[in-house]
PDB file of N, CA and C in Angstrom:
ATOM      1  N   SER A   1     -22.681  40.058-164.392  1.00  0.00           N
ATOM      2  CA  SER A   1     -24.282  40.467-164.608  1.00  0.00           C
ATOM      3  C   SER A   1     -24.698  41.192-163.266  1.00  0.00           C
ATOM      4  N   LEU A   2     -23.348  41.399-162.155  1.00  0.00           N
ATOM      5  CA  LEU A   2     -23.602  42.036-161.017  1.00  0.00           C
ATOM      6  C   LEU A   2     -22.923  42.763-161.081  1.00  0.00           C
ATOM      7  N   THR A   3     -22.013  43.772-162.231  1.00  0.00           N
ATOM      8  CA  THR A   3     -21.461  44.701-162.208  1.00  0.00           C
ATOM      9  C   THR A   3     -22.904  45.591-162.770  1.00  0.00           C
ATOM     10  N   VAL A   4     -23.900  44.867-163.957  1.00  0.00           N
ATOM     11  CA  VAL A   4     -24.960  45.638-164.669  1.00  0.00           C
ATOM     12  C   VAL A   4     -26.011  45.995-162.915  1.00  0.00           C
ATOM     13  N   LEU A   5     -25.695  44.602-162.033  1.00  0.00           N
ATOM     14  CA  LEU A   5     -26.908  45.419-161.461  1.00  0.00           C
ATOM     15  C   LEU A   5     -26.756  46.669-160.116  1.00  0.00           C
ATOM     16  N   PHE A   6     -25.057  46.328-160.052  1.00  0.00           N
ATOM     17  CA  PHE A   6     -24.381  47.357-159.095  1.00  0.00           C
ATOM     18  C   PHE A   6     -24.911  48.486-159.717  1.00  0.00           C
ATOM     19  N   TYR A   7     -24.414  48.999-161.285  1.00  0.00           N
ATOM     20  CA  TYR A   7     -25.212  50.016-161.934  1.00  0.00           C
ATOM     21  C   TYR A   7     -26.480  50.288-161.969  1.00  0.00           C
ATOM     22  N   LEU A   8     -27.200  49.225-161.780  1.00  0.00           N
ATOM     23  CA  LEU A   8     -28.961  49.591-161.908  1.00  0.00           C
ATOM     24  C   LEU A   8     -29.576  49.715-160.316  1.00  0.00           C
ATOM     25  N   THR A   9     -28.335  50.232-159.318  1.00  0.00           N
ATOM     26  CA  THR A   9     -28.737  50.014-158.338  1.00  0.00           C
ATOM     27  C   THR A   9     -29.017  52.035-157.645  1.00  0.00           C
ATOM     28  N   PRO A  10     -30.259  52.008-157.240  1.00  0.00           N
ATOM     29  CA  PRO A  10     -29.723  53.911-157.125  1.00  0.00           C
ATOM     30  C   PRO A  10     -29.383  53.953-155.979  1.00  0.00           C
ATOM     31  N   VAL A  11     -28.167  54.408-156.201  1.00  0.00           N
ATOM     32  CA  VAL A  11     -27.403  54.391-154.756  1.00  0.00           C
ATOM     33  C   VAL A  11     -27.544  55.903-154.382  1.00  0.00           C
ATOM     34  N   PHE A  12     -26.740  56.352-155.578  1.00  0.00           N
ATOM     35  CA  PHE A  12     -26.442  57.423-155.448  1.00  0.00           C
ATOM     36  C   PHE A  12     -27.370  58.923-156.388  1.00  0.00           C
ATOM     37  N   TYR A  13     -28.670  58.137-156.734  1.00  0.00           N
ATOM     38  CA  TYR A  13     -29.415  58.822-157.382  1.00  0.00           C
ATOM     39  C   TYR A  13     -30.722  57.973-157.038  1.00  0.00           C
ATOM     40  N   GLY A  14     -31.651  58.908-157.102  1.00  0.00           N
ATOM     41  CA  GLY A  14     -33.418  58.548-156.616  1.00  0.00           C
ATOM     42  C   GLY A  14     -34.045  57.779-158.245  1.00  0.00           C
ATOM     43  N   LEU A  15     -35.396  57.018-157.833  1.00  0.00           N
ATOM     44  CA  LEU A  15     -35.817  57.012-158.976  1.00  0.00           C
ATOM     45  C   LEU A  15     -36.603  58.165-159.477  1.00  0.00           C
ATOM     46  N   ALA A  16     -36.742  59.333-159.581  1.00  0.00           N
ATOM     47  CA  ALA A  16     -37.322  60.027-159.527  1.00  0.00           C
ATOM     48  C   ALA A  16     -36.854  60.788-160.544  1.00  0.00           C
ATOM     49  N   ASN A  17     -34.988  60.187-161.081  1.00  0.00           N
ATOM     50  CA  ASN A  17     -34.191  61.067-161.524  1.00  0.00           C
ATOM     51  C   ASN A  17     -33.438  60.064-162.188  1.00  0.00           C
ATOM     52  N   VAL A  18     -34.600  59.031-162.798  1.00  0.00           N
ATOM     53  CA  VAL A  18     -34.137  58.056-164.078  1.00  0.00           C
ATOM     54  C   VAL A  18     -34.884  58.311-165.019  1.00  0.00           C
ATOM     55  N   PRO A  19     -34.531  58.748-166.493  1.00  0.00           N
ATOM     56  CA  PRO A  19     -35.855  58.776-167.343  1.00  0.00           C
ATOM     57  C   PRO A  19     -36.947  57.537-167.281  1.00  0.00           C
ATOM     58  N   SER A  20     -38.204  57.545-167.496  1.00  0.00           N
ATOM     59  CA  SER A  20     -39.132  56.836-167.621  1.00  0.00           C
ATOM     60  C   SER A  20     -39.040  55.698-168.107  1.00  0.00           C
ATOM     61  N   ARG A  21     -38.247  55.781-169.336  1.00  0.00           N
ATOM     62  CA  ARG A  21     -38.035  54.550-169.771  1.00  0.00           C
ATOM     63  C   ARG A  21     -36.881  53.675-169.538  1.00  0.00           C
ATOM     64  N   TYR A  22     -36.311  54.212-168.743  1.00  0.00           N
ATOM     65  CA  TYR A  22     -35.614  53.017-167.724  1.00  0.00           C
ATOM     66  C   TYR A  22     -36.458  52.589-166.369  1.00  0.00           C
ATOM     67  N   SER A  23     -37.056  53.012-165.873  1.00  0.00           N
ATOM     68  CA  SER A  23     -37.205  52.641-164.763  1.00  0.00           C
ATOM     69  C   SER A  23     -38.273  51.665-164.385  1.00  0.00           C
ATOM     70  N   LEU A  24     -38.862  50.997-165.625  1.00  0.00           N
ATOM     71  CA  LEU A  24     -39.196  49.673-165.183  1.00  0.00           C
ATOM     72  C   LEU A  24     -37.735  48.392-164.842  1.00  0.00           C
ATOM     73  N   LEU A  25     -37.047  48.596-165.659  1.00  0.00           N
ATOM     74  CA  LEU A  25     -35.698  47.774-165.466  1.00  0.00           C
ATOM     75  C   LEU A  25     -34.848  48.197-164.317  1.00  0.00           C
ATOM     76  N   LEU A  26     -35.141  49.544-163.694  1.00  0.00           N
ATOM     77  CA  LEU A  26     -34.564  49.500-162.561  1.00  0.00           C
ATOM     78  C   LEU A  26     -35.475  48.761-161.088  1.00  0.00           C
ATOM     79  N   LYS A  27     -36.834  49.077-161.690  1.00  0.00           N
ATOM     80  CA  LYS A  27     -37.998  48.602-160.587  1.00  0.00           C
ATOM     81  C   LYS A  27     -37.396  47.134-160.836  1.00  0.00           C
ATOM     82  N   LEU A  28     -36.923  46.087-161.343  1.00  0.00           N
ATOM     83  CA  LEU A  28     -36.765  44.614-161.524  1.00  0.00           C
ATOM     84  C   LEU A  28     -36.053  44.486-160.666  1.00  0.00           C
ATOM     85  N   ASN A  29     -35.433  45.235-160.065  1.00  0.00           N
ATOM     86  CA  ASN A  29     -33.458  44.906-159.298  1.00  0.00           C
ATOM     87  C   ASN A  29     -34.036  45.073-158.373  1.00  0.00           C
ATOM     88  N   PRO A  30     -34.045  43.459-157.584  1.00  0.00           N
ATOM     89  CA  PRO A  30     -34.678  43.654-156.111  1.00  0.00           C
ATOM     90  C   PRO A  30     -33.969  44.805-155.168  1.00  0.00           C
ATOM     91  N   MET A  31     -32.494  45.201-155.632  1.00  0.00           N
ATOM     92  CA  MET A  31     -31.561  45.819-154.539  1.00  0.00           C
ATOM     93  C   MET A  31     -32.221  47.615-154.772  1.00  0.00           C
ATOM     94  N   ALA A  32     -33.221  47.696-155.806  1.00  0.00           N
ATOM     95  CA  ALA A  32     -33.319  48.300-156.373  1.00  0.00           C
ATOM     96  C   ALA A  32     -35.004  49.475-154.637  1.00  0.00           C
ATOM     97  N   THR A  33     -35.104  47.948-154.687  1.00  0.00           N
ATOM     98  CA  THR A  33     -36.035  48.700-153.815  1.00  0.00           C
ATOM     99  C   THR A  33     -35.853  48.964-152.283  1.00  0.00           C
ATOM    100  N   ILE A  34     -34.514  47.283-151.836  1.00  0.00           N
ATOM    101  CA  ILE A  34     -34.266  48.382-150.862  1.00  0.00           C
ATOM    102  C   ILE A  34     -33.529  49.628-150.742  1.00  0.00           C
ATOM    103  N   VAL A  35     -32.798  49.804-151.577  1.00  0.00           N
ATOM    104  CA  VAL A  35     -31.810  50.832-151.982  1.00  0.00           C
ATOM    105  C   VAL A  35     -33.025  52.467-151.535  1.00  0.00           C
ATOM    106  N   THR A  36     -33.931  51.786-152.106  1.00  0.00           N
ATOM    107  CA  THR A  36     -35.713  53.013-152.029  1.00  0.00           C
ATOM    108  C   THR A  36     -36.146  53.104-150.761  1.00  0.00           C
ATOM    109  N   ALA A  37     -36.623  52.140-149.735  1.00  0.00           N
ATOM    110  CA  ALA A  37     -36.664  51.819-148.926  1.00  0.00           C
ATOM    111  C   ALA A  37     -35.939  52.571-147.468  1.00  0.00           C
ATOM    112  N   ASN A  38     -34.292  52.956-147.797  1.00  0.00           N
ATOM    113  CA  ASN A  38     -33.613  53.339-146.812  1.00  0.00           C
ATOM    114  C   ASN A  38     -33.449  54.287-147.301  1.00  0.00           C
ATOM    115  N   ARG A  39     -34.105  55.453-148.894  1.00  0.00           N
ATOM    116  CA  ARG A  39     -33.762  56.265-148.694  1.00  0.00           C
ATOM    117  C   ARG A  39     -35.089  57.122-148.381  1.00  0.00           C
ATOM    118  N   TRP A  40     -35.891  56.632-148.069  1.00  0.00           N
ATOM    119  CA  TRP A  40     -37.247  56.937-147.373  1.00  0.00           C
ATOM    120  C   TRP A  40     -36.994  56.918-146.155  1.00  0.00           C
ATOM    121  N   LEU A  41     -36.670  55.832-145.138  1.00  0.00           N
ATOM    122  CA  LEU A  41     -36.635  56.085-144.419  1.00  0.00           C
ATOM    123  C   LEU A  41     -35.539  57.257-143.957  1.00  0.00           C
ATOM    124  N   LEU A  42     -34.788  57.327-144.619  1.00  0.00           N
ATOM    125  CA  LEU A  42     -33.302  58.351-143.851  1.00  0.00           C
ATOM    126  C   LEU A  42     -33.122  59.877-144.076  1.00  0.00           C
ATOM    127  N   LEU A  43     -33.738  60.004-145.690  1.00  0.00           N
ATOM    128  CA  LEU A  43     -34.327  61.264-146.834  1.00  0.00           C
ATOM    129  C   LEU A  43     -34.964  61.323-147.025  1.00  0.00           C
ATOM    130  N   GLY A  44     -36.468  60.555-146.432  1.00  0.00           N
ATOM    131  CA  GLY A  44     -37.797  61.568-147.015  1.00  0.00           C
ATOM    132  C   GLY A  44     -38.212  61.290-148.403  1.00  0.00           C
ATOM    133  N   GLU A  45     -37.143  60.472-148.960  1.00  0.00           N
ATOM    134  CA  GLU A  45     -38.238  59.985-150.294  1.00  0.00           C
ATOM    135  C   GLU A  45     -39.094  59.658-150.187  1.00  0.00           C
ATOM    136  N   PRO A  46     -39.870  59.518-151.568  1.00  0.00           N
ATOM    137  CA  PRO A  46     -40.942  58.863-151.257  1.00  0.00           C
ATOM    138  C   PRO A  46     -40.424  56.933-151.346  1.00  0.00           C
ATOM    139  N   ALA A  47     -41.709  56.206-150.197  1.00  0.00           N
ATOM    140  CA  ALA A  47     -41.638  54.705-150.662  1.00  0.00           C
ATOM    141  C   ALA A  47     -41.575  53.969-151.293  1.00  0.00           C
ATOM    142  N   PRO A  48     -41.243  53.479-151.214  1.00  0.00           N
ATOM    143  CA  PRO A  48     -41.989  51.930-152.548  1.00  0.00           C
ATOM    144  C   PRO A  48     -42.662  51.180-152.545  1.00  0.00           C
ATOM    145  N   SER A  49     -43.137  50.961-153.339  1.00  0.00           N
ATOM    146  CA  SER A  49     -45.212  50.431-153.576  1.00  0.00           C
ATOM    147  C   SER A  49     -45.160  49.077-152.637  1.00  0.00           C
ATOM    148  N   LEU A  50     -45.866  48.534-152.373  1.00  0.00           N
ATOM    149  CA  LEU A  50     -46.318  47.081-151.383  1.00  0.00           C
ATOM    150  C   LEU A  50     -46.045  46.134-153.108  1.00  0.00           C
ATOM    151  N   LEU A  51     -46.114  46.291-153.955  1.00  0.00           N
ATOM    152  CA  LEU A  51     -46.024  45.911-155.196  1.00  0.00           C
ATOM    153  C   LEU A  51     -44.636  45.326-155.769  1.00  0.00           C
ATOM    154  N   GLN A  52     -43.451  46.245-154.932  1.00  0.00           N
ATOM    155  CA  GLN A  52     -42.424  46.209-155.294  1.00  0.00           C
ATOM    156  C   GLN A  52     -41.488  45.484-153.963  1.00  0.00           C
ATOM    157  N   CYS A  53     -42.055  45.781-152.873  1.00  0.00           N
ATOM    158  CA  CYS A  53     -41.240  44.926-151.507  1.00  0.00           C
ATOM    159  C   CYS A  53     -42.173  43.892-151.488  1.00  0.00           C
ATOM    160  N   LEU A  54     -43.431  43.176-151.497  1.00  0.00           N
ATOM    161  CA  LEU A  54     -43.952  41.922-152.206  1.00  0.00           C
ATOM    162  C   LEU A  54     -42.523  40.692-153.942  1.00  0.00           C
ATOM    163  N   TYR A  55     -42.773  41.563-154.799  1.00  0.00           N
ATOM    164  CA  TYR A  55     -41.670  41.197-155.131  1.00  0.00           C
ATOM    165  C   TYR A  55     -40.321  40.652-154.748  1.00  0.00           C
ATOM    166  N   THR A  56     -39.567  42.231-153.756  1.00  0.00           N
ATOM    167  CA  THR A  56     -38.838  41.521-153.268  1.00  0.00           C
ATOM    168  C   THR A  56     -38.228  41.029-153.162  1.00  0.00           C
ATOM    169  N   VAL A  57     -39.258  40.483-151.168  1.00  0.00           N
ATOM    170  CA  VAL A  57     -40.093  38.789-151.051  1.00  0.00           C
ATOM    171  C   VAL A  57     -39.829  38.097-151.560  1.00  0.00           C
ATOM    172  N   GLY A  58     -40.102  38.065-152.734  1.00  0.00           N
ATOM    173  CA  GLY A  58     -40.549  36.884-152.994  1.00  0.00           C
ATOM    174  C   GLY A  58     -39.951  36.432-154.212  1.00  0.00           C
ATOM    175  N   LEU A  59     -39.268  37.507-155.018  1.00  0.00           N
ATOM    176  CA  LEU A  59     -37.829  36.986-155.149  1.00  0.00           C
ATOM    177  C   LEU A  59     -36.925  36.190-155.060  1.00  0.00           C
ATOM    178  N   SER A  60     -36.392  36.875-153.117  1.00  0.00           N
ATOM    179  CA  SER A  60     -35.364  36.151-152.091  1.00  0.00           C
ATOM    180  C   SER A  60     -35.588  34.664-151.360  1.00  0.00           C
ATOM    181  N   VAL A  61     -37.200  35.098-151.769  1.00  0.00           N
ATOM    182  CA  VAL A  61     -37.470  33.631-151.255  1.00  0.00           C
ATOM    183  C   VAL A  61     -36.912  32.563-152.248  1.00  0.00           C
ATOM    184  N   ALA A  62     -37.315  33.098-153.468  1.00  0.00           N
ATOM    185  CA  ALA A  62     -36.896  31.869-154.806  1.00  0.00           C
ATOM    186  C   ALA A  62     -36.092  31.526-154.655  1.00  0.00           C
ATOM    187  N   ILE A  63     -34.740  32.631-154.743  1.00  0.00           N
ATOM    188  CA  ILE A  63     -33.104  32.625-154.496  1.00  0.00           C
ATOM    189  C   ILE A  63     -32.135  32.137-153.707  1.00  0.00           C
ATOM    190  N   ALA A  64     -33.236  32.128-152.245  1.00  0.00           N
ATOM    191  CA  ALA A  64     -33.138  31.558-151.570  1.00  0.00           C
ATOM    192  C   ALA A  64     -33.756  29.630-151.344  1.00  0.00           C
ATOM    193  N   VAL A  65     -34.673  29.783-152.082  1.00  0.00           N
ATOM    194  CA  VAL A  65     -34.838  27.836-152.177  1.00  0.00           C
ATOM    195  C   VAL A  65     -34.552  27.214-153.100  1.00  0.00           C
ATOM    196  N   LEU A  66     -33.899  28.258-154.137  1.00  0.00           N
ATOM    197  CA  LEU A  66     -33.534  27.212-154.751  1.00  0.00           C
ATOM    198  C   LEU A  66     -31.938  26.757-154.605  1.00  0.00           C
ATOM    199  N   GLY A  67     -31.362  27.586-154.202  1.00  0.00           N
ATOM    200  CA  GLY A  67     -30.016  27.718-153.592  1.00  0.00           C
ATOM    201  C   GLY A  67     -29.846  26.992-153.130  1.00  0.00           C
ATOM    202  N   TYR A  68     -30.802  26.765-152.401  1.00  0.00           N
ATOM    203  CA  TYR A  68     -30.798  25.553-150.990  1.00  0.00           C
ATOM    204  C   TYR A  68     -31.589  24.211-151.601  1.00  0.00           C
ATOM    205  N   LEU A  69     -31.908  24.141-153.178  1.00  0.00           N
ATOM    206  CA  LEU A  69     -32.065  22.639-153.373  1.00  0.00           C
ATOM    207  C   LEU A  69     -31.130  22.714-154.205  1.00  0.00           C
ATOM    208  N   PHE A  70     -30.063  23.323-154.989  1.00  0.00           N
ATOM    209  CA  PHE A  70     -28.503  23.233-155.554  1.00  0.00           C
ATOM    210  C   PHE A  70     -27.367  22.853-155.169  1.00  0.00           C
ATOM    211  N   PHE A  71     -27.943  23.684-153.712  1.00  0.00           N
ATOM    212  CA  PHE A  71     -26.719  22.947-152.894  1.00  0.00           C
ATOM    213  C   PHE A  71     -27.240  21.399-151.880  1.00  0.00           C
ATOM    214  N   VAL A  72     -28.278  21.179-151.816  1.00  0.00           N
ATOM    215  CA  VAL A  72     -28.203  19.693-151.027  1.00  0.00           C
ATOM    216  C   VAL A  72     -28.279  18.732-152.434  1.00  0.00           C
ATOM    217  N   ARG A  73     -28.876  19.136-153.903  1.00  0.00           N
ATOM    218  CA  ARG A  73     -28.017  18.318-154.979  1.00  0.00           C
ATOM    219  C   ARG A  73     -26.768  17.941-155.028  1.00  0.00           C
ATOM    220  N   VAL A  74     -26.072  19.735-154.937  1.00  0.00           N
ATOM    221  CA  VAL A  74     -24.380  18.816-154.782  1.00  0.00           C
ATOM    222  C   VAL A  74     -23.566  18.851-153.388  1.00  0.00           C
ATOM    223  N   GLN A  75     -23.913  18.488-152.455  1.00  0.00           N
ATOM    224  CA  GLN A  75     -23.432  18.484-151.355  1.00  0.00           C
ATOM    225  C   GLN A  75     -22.512  17.283-151.261  1.00  0.00           C
ATOM    226  N   ASP A  76     -22.308  16.202-151.526  1.00  0.00           N
ATOM    227  CA  ASP A  76     -21.681  15.323-151.781  1.00  0.00           C
ATOM    228  C   ASP A  76     -20.248  14.895-152.076  1.00  0.00           C
ATOM    229  N   ARG A  77     -20.286  16.385-153.301  1.00  0.00           N
ATOM    230  CA  ARG A  77     -19.067  16.759-153.997  1.00  0.00           C
ATOM    231  C   ARG A  77     -18.547  17.837-153.260  1.00  0.00           C
ATOM    232  N   PHE A  78     -19.363  18.597-152.775  1.00  0.00           N
ATOM    233  CA  PHE A  78     -18.856  20.292-152.748  1.00  0.00           C
ATOM    234  C   PHE A  78     -17.530  20.147-151.856  1.00  0.00           C
ATOM    235  N   VAL A  79     -17.426  18.916-151.216  1.00  0.00           N
ATOM    236  CA  VAL A  79     -15.957  19.476-150.595  1.00  0.00           C
ATOM    237  C   VAL A  79     -15.246  18.789-151.320  1.00  0.00           C
ATOM    238  N   ASP A  80     -14.963  18.177-152.166  1.00  0.00           N
ATOM    239  CA  ASP A  80     -14.328  17.784-153.686  1.00  0.00           C
ATOM    240  C   ASP A  80     -13.584  18.721-154.430  1.00  0.00           C
ATOM    241  N   ASN A  81     -14.737  20.155-154.527  1.00  0.00           N
ATOM    242  CA  ASN A  81     -14.157  20.561-155.409  1.00  0.00           C
ATOM    243  C   ASN A  81     -13.893  22.122-154.423  1.00  0.00           C
ATOM    244  N   LEU A  82     -14.007  21.458-153.587  1.00  0.00           N
ATOM    245  CA  LEU A  82     -13.184  23.217-152.696  1.00  0.00           C
ATOM    246  C   LEU A  82     -11.220  23.259-152.834  1.00  0.00           C
TER     247      LEU A  82
END
């Protein structure tokens, strides 16, 4: 799954170069918004929309909270598994 996200992150190509049928799939990748924002700052390409930025922040917070809750649940056994 990380390999798929790697190839779906527009580092060497902009979202404008992607066929429209795949653009929604790319916009679901939170790293695409971050890379697009960097391309906007450095290369002057179009900025990501506010909705894309909010989606990225919301998904990042949700993943962080889920990761914390998982860690709290397994922290007693965590050292034993290392």
